Amino acid sequence: MTEDQPLAAHGPDATAHNAATMAHLLAGIQSLHSRLDAIEGITPMPAAGEDGRPPRRQAPAWRRPSNGDARWQVTVCTAVGIALQLPVHGRLSLVHPDWILPAVQGLLLIGLVAANPRRINRESRALRSLALALAGLLSVVNAYAAASLVVEIVQGKAPPVAGPLLATGASIWLTNVIVFALWYWEFDQGGPAARALATKHRSPDFLFANMTVADDPDLCQRDWKPAFGDYLYLSFTNATAFSPTDTLPLTRWAKMAMTLQSVVSLVTVALVVARAVNIFPSPKLVALAQGAWWASRSGAAVGNAARAAMPPSPRRGNVRNAPFPSPSQHPCVTARKVP
């Protein structure tokens, strides 16, 4: 008997057994994959290209060219920031007369609008320098006003009336929100023009909530990318919460900028509100003061009328021109000395 005879005897049975085992394993694996797909909701893989490789994933919208941000949004917000400087005048102004700096800022804004009125989709060193100069001038003026107000409150030289103090503090705080919104908008991914043209291919400096769900069309538009309104919302929430909310800073400069804004907002709000509450009059005190003032006015009027109507008397003489006695000199309230 040769060596091939046992193999011939046992070969067909072993082959059939192995084939049945492999078929069972493949059926189990396929069933497991079907269950996992049903449980996790995994979408099928995209079809392969002509070369057999899977197609490349499309770049997110914030890395693709677009039409650019609308000019009117940032123009309106900047105009509001310039107008908010008008109530902050006098001792808190950096330059006198008070209208000089708002006028210069208005001219810079008009120049930007005239050069690029509709969409910010054109890179230009002159336009970018002009935009940064406008944002820097707004920042310097507002920083000086905020620092001067804080020094006045700490030294006790702030206005003794709560209304003007609250109005000044609100103007400085709102201007601070607009200024930092401009800085976030100007520097994220190289600026609005660089984001529109997708020329620098930089990673985003801020992670907006829409970026995390960009693959789901039910939650976010596929062509979504941040505009100026998103940066204004980021600045407002950071100034009110004193910390990031739904938008996270990803770079060091973004973290430091948000920290500085939180500090300025916290100091301004805390000192202005504390001082205003301290000097804000109570309603009862106001009512008492008004009542005493009207009583003094009416009492003096009644006394003068009675004195004018009093006839001359030989015992008292003519008292029409005599001064009306003060309350402390009235015989009803003057203390009598006990003999």
Protein backbone atom coordinates (compact mmCIF):
# COMPACT_ATOMS: atom_id res chain seq x y z
CA MET A 1 0.00 0.00 0.00
CA THR A 2 1.42 3.38 -0.87
CA GLU A 3 1.34 6.55 1.24
CA ASP A 4 -1.40 8.08 -0.95
CA GLN A 5 -3.97 5.42 -0.20
CA PRO A 6 -4.94 6.63 3.38
CA LEU A 7 -5.25 10.14 2.11
CA ALA A 8 -7.54 8.99 -0.61
CA ALA A 9 -9.65 7.18 1.91
CA HIS A 10 -9.97 10.04 4.34
CA GLY A 11 -9.57 13.03 1.99
CA PRO A 12 -13.15 13.43 0.71
CA ASP A 13 -14.68 13.28 4.21
CA ALA A 14 -12.23 15.84 5.61
CA THR A 15 -12.80 18.21 2.70
CA ALA A 16 -16.57 18.04 3.06
CA HIS A 17 -16.29 18.62 6.80
CA ASN A 18 -14.03 21.64 6.34
CA ALA A 19 -16.32 23.11 3.71
CA ALA A 20 -19.35 22.76 5.97
CA THR A 21 -17.48 24.39 8.85
CA MET A 22 -16.37 27.33 6.75
CA ALA A 23 -19.88 27.81 5.38
CA HIS A 24 -21.27 27.85 8.92
CA LEU A 25 -18.68 30.39 10.06
CA LEU A 26 -19.33 32.66 7.11
CA ALA A 27 -23.07 32.49 7.72
CA GLY A 28 -22.53 33.43 11.39
CA ILE A 29 -20.27 36.34 10.51
CA GLN A 30 -22.72 37.61 7.94
CA SER A 31 -25.56 37.38 10.43
CA LEU A 32 -23.48 39.24 13.02
CA HIS A 33 -22.72 42.02 10.56
CA SER A 34 -26.39 42.34 9.70
CA ARG A 35 -27.33 42.67 13.34
CA LEU A 36 -24.62 45.29 13.97
CA ASP A 37 -25.79 47.30 10.97
CA ALA A 38 -29.36 47.18 12.26
CA ILE A 39 -28.36 48.18 15.80
CA GLU A 40 -25.83 50.93 15.07
CA GLY A 41 -27.44 52.20 11.89
CA ILE A 42 -24.23 52.05 9.91
CA THR A 43 -24.66 53.39 6.39
CA PRO A 44 -23.31 51.30 3.54
CA MET A 45 -19.86 52.11 2.22
CA PRO A 46 -19.78 54.38 -0.83
CA ALA A 47 -19.20 52.76 -4.15
CA ALA A 48 -15.60 52.46 -5.26
CA GLY A 49 -14.24 54.59 -8.05
CA GLU A 50 -12.95 53.50 -11.38
CA ASP A 51 -9.55 52.61 -9.92
CA GLY A 52 -11.12 50.41 -7.23
CA ARG A 53 -10.33 52.86 -4.40
CA PRO A 54 -13.04 54.47 -2.26
CA PRO A 55 -13.81 58.05 -3.30
CA ARG A 56 -12.18 60.90 -1.38
CA ARG A 57 -14.27 62.57 1.29
CA GLN A 58 -15.54 66.01 0.36
CA ALA A 59 -13.94 68.91 2.23
CA PRO A 60 -16.16 70.66 4.79
CA ALA A 61 -17.82 73.90 3.82
CA TRP A 62 -15.47 76.07 5.88
CA ARG A 63 -12.57 74.79 3.74
CA ARG A 64 -14.27 75.34 0.38
CA PRO A 65 -14.58 78.62 -1.55
CA SER A 66 -17.82 80.54 -1.06
CA ASN A 67 -19.43 83.87 -1.88
CA GLY A 68 -18.11 85.52 1.28
CA ASP A 69 -19.79 87.25 4.21
CA ALA A 70 -22.35 89.98 3.60
CA ARG A 71 -20.96 93.46 4.22
CA TRP A 72 -24.15 94.88 5.75
CA GLN A 73 -23.97 92.75 8.91
CA VAL A 74 -20.57 93.96 10.03
CA THR A 75 -21.36 97.50 8.85
CA VAL A 76 -24.48 97.81 11.00
CA CYS A 77 -22.74 96.35 14.04
CA THR A 78 -19.71 98.63 13.66
CA ALA A 79 -21.97 101.68 13.26
CA VAL A 80 -23.72 100.75 16.50
CA GLY A 81 -20.32 100.47 18.23
CA ILE A 82 -19.38 103.95 17.01
CA ALA A 83 -22.72 105.40 18.16
CA LEU A 84 -22.31 103.85 21.62
CA GLN A 85 -19.24 106.04 22.17
CA LEU A 86 -21.35 109.20 22.10
CA PRO A 87 -22.89 108.72 25.61
CA VAL A 88 -19.38 108.09 26.98
CA HIS A 89 -18.08 111.64 26.84
CA GLY A 90 -16.33 114.22 28.97
CA ARG A 91 -13.95 112.79 31.50
CA LEU A 92 -13.93 109.32 29.85
CA SER A 93 -13.04 110.54 26.35
CA LEU A 94 -9.58 109.84 25.01
CA VAL A 95 -9.49 112.91 22.76
CA HIS A 96 -11.32 116.22 23.02
CA PRO A 97 -13.62 117.39 21.48
CA ASP A 98 -15.61 114.20 21.96
CA TRP A 99 -16.82 113.96 18.35
CA ILE A 100 -13.37 113.69 16.72
CA LEU A 101 -12.75 109.95 17.21
CA PRO A 102 -16.31 108.86 16.26
CA ALA A 103 -16.00 111.00 13.13
CA VAL A 104 -12.68 109.36 12.18
CA GLN A 105 -14.15 105.90 12.75
CA GLY A 106 -17.17 106.79 10.64
CA LEU A 107 -14.90 107.86 7.77
CA LEU A 108 -12.98 104.58 7.96
CA LEU A 109 -16.24 102.64 7.88
CA ILE A 110 -17.49 104.60 4.88
CA GLY A 111 -14.24 103.86 3.06
CA LEU A 112 -14.58 100.12 3.68
CA VAL A 113 -18.16 100.06 2.48
CA ALA A 114 -17.34 102.06 -0.63
CA ALA A 115 -14.42 99.76 -1.55
CA ASN A 116 -16.31 96.50 -1.02
CA PRO A 117 -20.03 97.15 -0.55
CA ARG A 118 -21.67 93.74 -0.98
CA ARG A 119 -19.60 90.63 -0.30
CA ILE A 120 -16.22 90.32 1.40
CA ASN A 121 -14.61 88.00 -1.13
CA ARG A 122 -11.61 89.99 -2.34
CA GLU A 123 -8.19 89.93 -0.68
CA SER A 124 -6.47 93.29 -0.42
CA ARG A 125 -3.78 94.48 1.95
CA ALA A 126 -5.16 98.00 1.92
CA LEU A 127 -8.70 96.89 2.81
CA ARG A 128 -7.49 94.52 5.52
CA SER A 129 -5.23 97.20 7.01
CA LEU A 130 -8.14 99.63 7.01
CA ALA A 131 -10.44 97.10 8.71
CA LEU A 132 -7.84 96.27 11.37
CA ALA A 133 -7.19 99.97 11.97
CA LEU A 134 -10.91 100.56 12.55
CA ALA A 135 -11.16 97.63 14.97
CA GLY A 136 -8.01 98.76 16.78
CA LEU A 137 -9.27 102.34 17.14
CA LEU A 138 -12.56 101.10 18.57
CA SER A 139 -10.65 98.88 21.00
CA VAL A 140 -8.33 101.65 22.23
CA VAL A 141 -11.16 104.14 22.78
CA ASN A 142 -13.32 101.64 24.63
CA ALA A 143 -10.41 100.33 26.72
CA TYR A 144 -9.54 103.87 27.84
CA ALA A 145 -13.16 104.57 28.78
CA ALA A 146 -13.45 101.30 30.71
CA ALA A 147 -10.17 101.87 32.58
CA SER A 148 -11.12 105.47 33.44
CA LEU A 149 -14.52 104.38 34.73
CA VAL A 150 -13.00 101.66 36.90
CA VAL A 151 -10.47 104.13 38.38
CA GLU A 152 -13.23 106.61 39.15
CA ILE A 153 -15.33 103.98 40.89
CA VAL A 154 -12.40 102.71 42.95
CA GLN A 155 -11.35 106.23 43.96
CA GLY A 156 -14.93 107.27 44.75
CA LYS A 157 -15.11 109.90 41.99
CA ALA A 158 -17.88 108.26 39.97
CA PRO A 159 -21.16 110.14 39.41
CA PRO A 160 -23.35 110.02 42.53
CA VAL A 161 -26.45 109.27 40.42
CA ALA A 162 -27.19 105.66 39.46
CA GLY A 163 -28.86 106.35 36.11
CA PRO A 164 -25.93 107.96 34.24
CA LEU A 165 -23.51 105.47 35.77
CA LEU A 166 -25.53 102.49 34.53
CA ALA A 167 -25.90 104.06 31.08
CA THR A 168 -22.15 104.61 30.80
CA GLY A 169 -21.37 101.09 31.98
CA ALA A 170 -23.88 99.55 29.54
CA SER A 171 -22.38 101.50 26.62
CA ILE A 172 -18.87 100.34 27.47
CA TRP A 173 -19.99 96.73 27.92
CA LEU A 174 -21.89 96.58 24.62
CA THR A 175 -18.98 98.20 22.79
CA ASN A 176 -16.71 95.58 24.30
CA VAL A 177 -18.95 92.84 22.85
CA ILE A 178 -18.83 94.40 19.38
CA VAL A 179 -15.06 94.97 19.49
CA PHE A 180 -14.21 91.37 20.35
CA ALA A 181 -16.69 90.10 17.77
CA LEU A 182 -14.74 92.09 15.18
CA TRP A 183 -11.44 90.62 16.35
CA TYR A 184 -12.75 87.03 16.27
CA TRP A 185 -14.19 87.61 12.81
CA GLU A 186 -11.02 89.24 11.47
CA PHE A 187 -8.53 86.60 12.65
CA ASP A 188 -10.34 83.26 12.43
CA GLN A 189 -8.67 81.25 9.62
CA GLY A 190 -6.91 84.34 8.31
CA GLY A 191 -9.90 86.66 8.02
CA PRO A 192 -13.19 86.83 6.11
CA ALA A 193 -11.61 87.14 2.65
CA ALA A 194 -9.29 84.17 3.25
CA ARG A 195 -12.23 82.07 4.45
CA ALA A 196 -14.28 83.01 1.39
CA LEU A 197 -11.51 82.16 -1.08
CA ALA A 198 -10.12 79.18 0.92
CA THR A 199 -6.56 80.21 0.06
CA LYS A 200 -4.68 79.67 3.32
CA HIS A 201 -6.05 76.20 4.21
CA ARG A 202 -5.72 76.91 7.93
CA SER A 203 -7.44 74.95 10.63
CA PRO A 204 -10.33 76.81 12.29
CA ASP A 205 -9.56 78.79 15.43
CA PHE A 206 -13.06 78.26 16.83
CA LEU A 207 -15.11 75.07 16.87
CA PHE A 208 -18.74 76.01 16.33
CA ALA A 209 -21.49 73.54 17.17
CA ASN A 210 -22.52 73.36 13.49
CA MET A 211 -19.10 71.99 12.58
CA THR A 212 -19.58 68.92 14.75
CA VAL A 213 -22.80 67.88 12.97
CA ALA A 214 -21.89 68.95 9.44
CA ASP A 215 -22.25 65.35 8.17
CA ASP A 216 -25.90 65.17 9.21
CA PRO A 217 -28.12 67.12 6.78
CA ASP A 218 -31.03 66.93 9.22
CA LEU A 219 -29.13 69.04 11.78
CA CYS A 220 -26.97 71.32 9.70
CA GLN A 221 -26.76 72.57 6.13
CA ARG A 222 -23.96 71.02 4.12
CA ASP A 223 -22.70 74.40 2.95
CA TRP A 224 -22.75 76.02 6.42
CA LYS A 225 -19.79 78.17 7.43
CA PRO A 226 -19.51 80.83 10.15
CA ALA A 227 -20.56 84.39 9.34
CA PHE A 228 -20.27 87.61 11.35
CA GLY A 229 -23.48 86.90 13.23
CA ASP A 230 -21.94 83.71 14.62
CA TYR A 231 -18.91 85.61 15.91
CA LEU A 232 -21.18 88.25 17.46
CA TYR A 233 -23.08 85.49 19.25
CA LEU A 234 -19.77 84.00 20.41
CA SER A 235 -18.67 87.36 21.82
CA PHE A 236 -22.00 88.01 23.55
CA THR A 237 -22.18 84.62 25.25
CA ASN A 238 -18.56 84.86 26.38
CA ALA A 239 -19.20 88.32 27.86
CA THR A 240 -22.32 87.20 29.74
CA ALA A 241 -21.18 83.74 30.90
CA PHE A 242 -17.50 84.75 31.41
CA SER A 243 -16.54 81.46 29.73
CA PRO A 244 -17.08 79.58 26.43
CA THR A 245 -20.57 78.17 25.93
CA ASP A 246 -21.25 76.19 22.74
CA THR A 247 -18.22 77.45 20.76
CA LEU A 248 -14.77 76.33 21.84
CA PRO A 249 -11.45 78.09 21.17
CA LEU A 250 -8.91 75.81 19.48
CA THR A 251 -5.81 78.00 19.28
CA ARG A 252 -3.84 79.87 21.94
CA TRP A 253 -4.63 83.34 20.65
CA ALA A 254 -8.35 82.53 20.66
CA LYS A 255 -8.15 81.30 24.26
CA MET A 256 -6.23 84.40 25.40
CA ALA A 257 -8.64 86.72 23.58
CA MET A 258 -11.67 85.10 25.19
CA THR A 259 -9.95 85.27 28.58
CA LEU A 260 -9.26 88.99 28.18
CA GLN A 261 -12.84 89.66 27.15
CA SER A 262 -14.18 87.76 30.16
CA VAL A 263 -11.95 89.74 32.52
CA VAL A 264 -12.98 93.11 31.07
CA SER A 265 -16.65 92.17 31.13
CA LEU A 266 -16.50 90.82 34.68
CA VAL A 267 -14.71 93.87 36.10
CA THR A 268 -17.01 96.32 34.31
CA VAL A 269 -20.23 94.60 35.32
CA ALA A 270 -19.18 93.90 38.91
CA LEU A 271 -17.93 97.40 39.74
CA VAL A 272 -20.63 99.34 37.90
CA VAL A 273 -23.51 97.30 39.30
CA ALA A 274 -22.07 97.33 42.84
CA ARG A 275 -21.61 101.09 42.77
CA ALA A 276 -25.05 101.69 41.25
CA VAL A 277 -26.74 99.51 43.88
CA ASN A 278 -24.85 101.35 46.60
CA ILE A 279 -25.99 104.79 45.47
CA PHE A 280 -29.39 103.83 44.13
CA PRO A 281 -31.98 105.56 46.38
CA SER A 282 -34.69 103.62 48.16
CA PRO A 283 -38.30 104.29 47.06
CA LYS A 284 -39.27 105.14 50.65
CA LEU A 285 -36.46 107.66 50.96
CA VAL A 286 -37.43 109.22 47.65
CA ALA A 287 -41.07 109.50 48.76
CA LEU A 288 -40.08 111.05 52.09
CA ALA A 289 -37.76 113.54 50.44
CA GLN A 290 -40.38 114.56 47.90
CA GLY A 291 -43.02 114.90 50.64
CA ALA A 292 -40.75 117.07 52.76
CA TRP A 293 -39.90 119.27 49.79
CA TRP A 294 -43.54 119.79 48.83
CA ALA A 295 -44.44 120.39 52.47
CA SER A 296 -41.80 123.07 52.79
CA ARG A 297 -42.94 124.72 49.57
CA SER A 298 -46.63 124.63 50.55
CA GLY A 299 -45.91 125.74 54.13
CA ALA A 300 -43.96 128.76 52.99
CA ALA A 301 -46.69 129.68 50.50
CA VAL A 302 -49.41 129.42 53.16
CA GLY A 303 -47.37 131.51 55.60
CA ASN A 304 -46.71 134.22 53.05
CA ALA A 305 -50.42 134.34 52.10
CA ALA A 306 -51.48 134.58 55.76
CA ARG A 307 -48.95 137.30 56.44
CA ALA A 308 -50.08 139.30 53.40
CA ALA A 309 -53.74 139.07 54.45
CA MET A 310 -53.06 140.04 58.07
CA PRO A 311 -54.33 143.63 58.87
CA PRO A 312 -52.06 146.06 60.67
CA SER A 313 -52.51 146.18 64.44
CA PRO A 314 -51.55 149.01 66.80
CA ARG A 315 -50.09 146.50 69.27
CA ARG A 316 -48.13 144.46 66.70
CA GLY A 317 -47.58 147.15 64.10
CA ASN A 318 -47.42 146.36 60.41
CA VAL A 319 -46.21 142.77 60.04
CA ARG A 320 -46.80 142.45 56.34
CA ASN A 321 -43.16 143.10 55.57
CA ALA A 322 -41.84 141.16 58.56
CA PRO A 323 -40.06 137.91 57.70
CA PHE A 324 -42.02 134.75 58.25
CA PRO A 325 -40.53 132.83 61.20
CA SER A 326 -38.73 129.59 60.51
CA PRO A 327 -40.05 126.35 62.06
CA SER A 328 -37.33 126.42 64.69
CA GLN A 329 -38.41 129.92 65.78
CA HIS A 330 -42.15 129.17 65.88
CA PRO A 331 -43.63 129.56 69.39
CA CYS A 332 -45.24 126.09 69.16
CA VAL A 333 -41.93 124.34 68.65
CA THR A 334 -39.54 126.64 70.53
CA ALA A 335 -38.41 125.09 73.75
CA ARG A 336 -39.33 127.08 76.90
CA LYS A 337 -36.89 127.49 79.69
CA VAL A 338 -38.08 126.32 83.09
CA PRO A 339 -37.51 129.03 85.75
